[in-house]
Amino acid sequence: MASLGKPNPVDVHVGSRVRMRRTLLGISQEKLGQALGLTFQQVQKYERGANRIGASRLYDLSRILEVPVNFFFEDMAQEVQEQSPGRLFEKEQEPDAYQIPDDPMNRRETLELVRAYYRIEDPESRRRLFDLMRSIANAFDGEDPE
C-alpha cells in the first residue's frame, strides 16, 4: 500500500482522469459535486487521489462525464499499475519510488486547447487548424509535414 498520508498512485491516476474529463467538458468542481451530491472539496480530494473513489461513485462519474468506466484506468503507466495494493506483495517497493510523470495530457493548457479546438463548429476550419498545428510542431522537430 502507499505510505501513510500519501495517496495510492492508482487513485491519483483515476482522479487525474476525472479532472481531465471534467475540464474537457467544461464542468466545474462545484457542478460535478452537485451532480454527485458532494461538496466541491470532496471532488478535489477525488481528483488529487486523496480520497479513493468507490465502485458506485465511479459508475456515477462515468455516467455524468459520459465515458465508460474503463476510461478512468486508460493510459495508466506500468509503474502505477505495479503500485496497486494487490500487486505490492509481488515485489519489495521503495515508499518514495513513485513520482508522477510530467504528462502533457494532465496540463491545464492541453485541456483548454482541446476544449477550444472542439468549440470550432466548422469541420473544415478545425481540420485546417489541426494541419497548421501539426506543421508547426513538425518544423520544431525537424520533420517534414505529411
Protein backbone atom coordinates (compact mmCIF):
# COMPACT_ATOMS: atom_id res chain seq x y z
CA MET A 1 0.00 0.00 0.00
CA ALA A 2 1.10 3.63 -0.36
CA SER A 3 2.95 5.10 2.58
CA LEU A 4 0.98 6.81 5.32
CA GLY A 5 -0.50 10.12 4.25
CA LYS A 6 0.42 9.54 0.61
CA PRO A 7 -2.32 8.64 -1.91
CA ASN A 8 -2.04 5.40 -3.83
CA PRO A 9 -0.76 6.08 -7.36
CA VAL A 10 -3.73 4.23 -8.89
CA ASP A 11 -6.11 6.57 -7.06
CA VAL A 12 -4.06 9.55 -8.26
CA HIS A 13 -4.30 8.29 -11.85
CA VAL A 14 -8.07 7.73 -11.64
CA GLY A 15 -8.51 11.18 -10.07
CA SER A 16 -6.46 12.81 -12.81
CA ARG A 17 -8.66 11.17 -15.43
CA VAL A 18 -11.76 12.52 -13.64
CA ARG A 19 -10.20 16.00 -13.64
CA MET A 20 -9.20 15.76 -17.30
CA ARG A 21 -12.66 14.70 -18.46
CA ARG A 22 -14.44 17.23 -16.21
CA THR A 23 -12.25 20.01 -17.58
CA LEU A 24 -12.73 18.89 -21.19
CA LEU A 25 -16.49 19.07 -20.68
CA GLY A 26 -16.21 22.50 -19.02
CA ILE A 27 -17.81 21.30 -15.78
CA SER A 28 -16.73 23.00 -12.56
CA GLN A 29 -15.85 21.00 -9.45
CA GLU A 30 -18.88 22.57 -7.81
CA LYS A 31 -21.26 21.43 -10.60
CA LEU A 32 -19.80 17.92 -10.57
CA GLY A 33 -20.14 17.84 -6.80
CA GLN A 34 -23.79 18.87 -7.07
CA ALA A 35 -24.47 16.12 -9.60
CA LEU A 36 -22.87 13.60 -7.22
CA GLY A 37 -24.39 15.04 -4.03
CA LEU A 38 -20.95 16.10 -2.78
CA THR A 39 -19.11 19.32 -1.96
CA PHE A 40 -16.51 20.67 -4.38
CA GLN A 41 -13.89 19.93 -1.69
CA GLN A 42 -14.79 16.23 -1.88
CA VAL A 43 -14.44 16.37 -5.67
CA GLN A 44 -11.00 18.00 -5.20
CA LYS A 45 -9.95 15.14 -2.94
CA TYR A 46 -11.09 12.59 -5.54
CA GLU A 47 -9.17 14.41 -8.27
CA ARG A 48 -5.98 14.50 -6.19
CA GLY A 49 -6.36 10.85 -5.26
CA ALA A 50 -6.53 11.77 -1.57
CA ASN A 51 -9.92 10.00 -1.35
CA ARG A 52 -10.41 6.67 -3.07
CA ILE A 53 -13.39 6.51 -5.45
CA GLY A 54 -15.71 3.59 -4.71
CA ALA A 55 -17.30 1.44 -7.41
CA SER A 56 -20.76 3.04 -7.23
CA ARG A 57 -19.27 6.54 -7.30
CA LEU A 58 -17.06 5.60 -10.26
CA TYR A 59 -20.17 4.35 -12.06
CA ASP A 60 -21.94 7.67 -11.32
CA LEU A 61 -18.91 9.60 -12.58
CA SER A 62 -18.85 7.59 -15.81
CA ARG A 63 -22.49 8.46 -16.47
CA ILE A 64 -22.15 12.15 -15.58
CA LEU A 65 -18.90 12.55 -17.55
CA GLU A 66 -20.24 10.43 -20.43
CA VAL A 67 -17.41 7.90 -20.58
CA PRO A 68 -17.20 4.16 -19.92
CA VAL A 69 -15.85 3.17 -16.50
CA ASN A 70 -12.64 1.82 -18.06
CA PHE A 71 -11.83 5.37 -19.26
CA PHE A 72 -10.58 6.14 -15.75
CA PHE A 73 -7.96 3.38 -15.99
CA GLU A 74 -6.76 4.02 -19.54
CA ASP A 75 -3.20 5.18 -20.19
CA MET A 76 -2.08 4.03 -16.74
CA ALA A 77 1.70 3.72 -16.69
CA GLN A 78 3.20 0.34 -15.83
CA GLU A 79 4.88 1.75 -12.71
CA VAL A 80 1.48 2.99 -11.50
CA GLN A 81 -0.12 -0.42 -12.14
CA GLU A 82 2.63 -2.01 -10.08
CA GLN A 83 1.70 0.24 -7.14
CA SER A 84 -1.78 -1.30 -6.88
CA PRO A 85 -2.19 -2.82 -3.40
CA GLY A 86 -2.97 -6.22 -4.94
CA ARG A 87 0.38 -6.19 -6.77
CA LEU A 88 2.59 -4.96 -3.93
CA PHE A 89 3.14 -8.42 -2.47
CA GLU A 90 4.88 -9.46 -5.69
CA LYS A 91 7.99 -7.38 -5.04
CA GLU A 92 9.50 -5.10 -2.46
CA GLN A 93 8.78 -1.43 -3.14
CA GLU A 94 10.55 1.69 -2.00
CA PRO A 95 7.93 4.01 -0.45
CA ASP A 96 9.14 7.01 -2.43
CA ALA A 97 9.75 5.13 -5.69
CA TYR A 98 6.63 6.55 -7.37
CA GLN A 99 6.77 10.01 -8.83
CA ILE A 100 4.02 11.44 -11.01
CA PRO A 101 5.40 11.80 -14.54
CA ASP A 102 5.07 15.14 -16.31
CA ASP A 103 2.26 14.02 -18.62
CA PRO A 104 1.23 16.79 -21.05
CA MET A 105 -2.32 15.36 -21.05
CA ASN A 106 -2.64 16.40 -17.40
CA ARG A 107 -1.72 20.04 -18.04
CA ARG A 108 -4.47 22.63 -17.92
CA GLU A 109 -3.10 24.22 -21.11
CA THR A 110 -3.64 20.97 -23.02
CA LEU A 111 -7.17 20.57 -21.74
CA GLU A 112 -8.08 24.16 -22.57
CA LEU A 113 -6.58 23.78 -26.04
CA VAL A 114 -8.63 20.65 -26.75
CA ARG A 115 -11.81 22.29 -25.45
CA ALA A 116 -11.22 25.36 -27.63
CA TYR A 117 -10.49 23.16 -30.66
CA TYR A 118 -13.79 21.31 -30.32
CA ARG A 119 -15.73 24.55 -29.91
CA ILE A 120 -14.85 25.32 -33.54
CA GLU A 121 -18.04 24.18 -35.25
CA ASP A 122 -16.87 24.23 -38.86
CA PRO A 123 -15.14 20.90 -39.61
CA GLU A 124 -13.03 22.39 -42.41
CA SER A 125 -11.73 25.18 -40.16
CA ARG A 126 -10.98 22.65 -37.44
CA ARG A 127 -9.09 20.46 -39.93
CA ARG A 128 -7.06 23.45 -41.20
CA LEU A 129 -6.13 24.40 -37.64
CA PHE A 130 -5.09 20.81 -36.95
CA ASP A 131 -2.91 20.77 -40.09
CA LEU A 132 -1.35 24.11 -39.13
CA MET A 133 -0.53 22.92 -35.62
CA ARG A 134 0.96 19.68 -36.94
CA SER A 135 3.09 21.61 -39.47
CA ILE A 136 4.42 23.94 -36.78
CA ALA A 137 5.20 21.01 -34.46
CA ASN A 138 6.96 19.14 -37.27
CA ALA A 139 9.03 22.23 -38.09
CA PHE A 140 10.29 22.24 -34.49
CA ASP A 141 11.05 18.51 -34.68
CA GLY A 142 12.91 18.95 -37.94
CA GLU A 143 10.42 16.66 -39.68
CA ASP A 144 8.71 17.23 -42.99
CA PRO A 145 4.94 17.74 -42.80
CA GLU A 146 2.97 14.84 -44.24
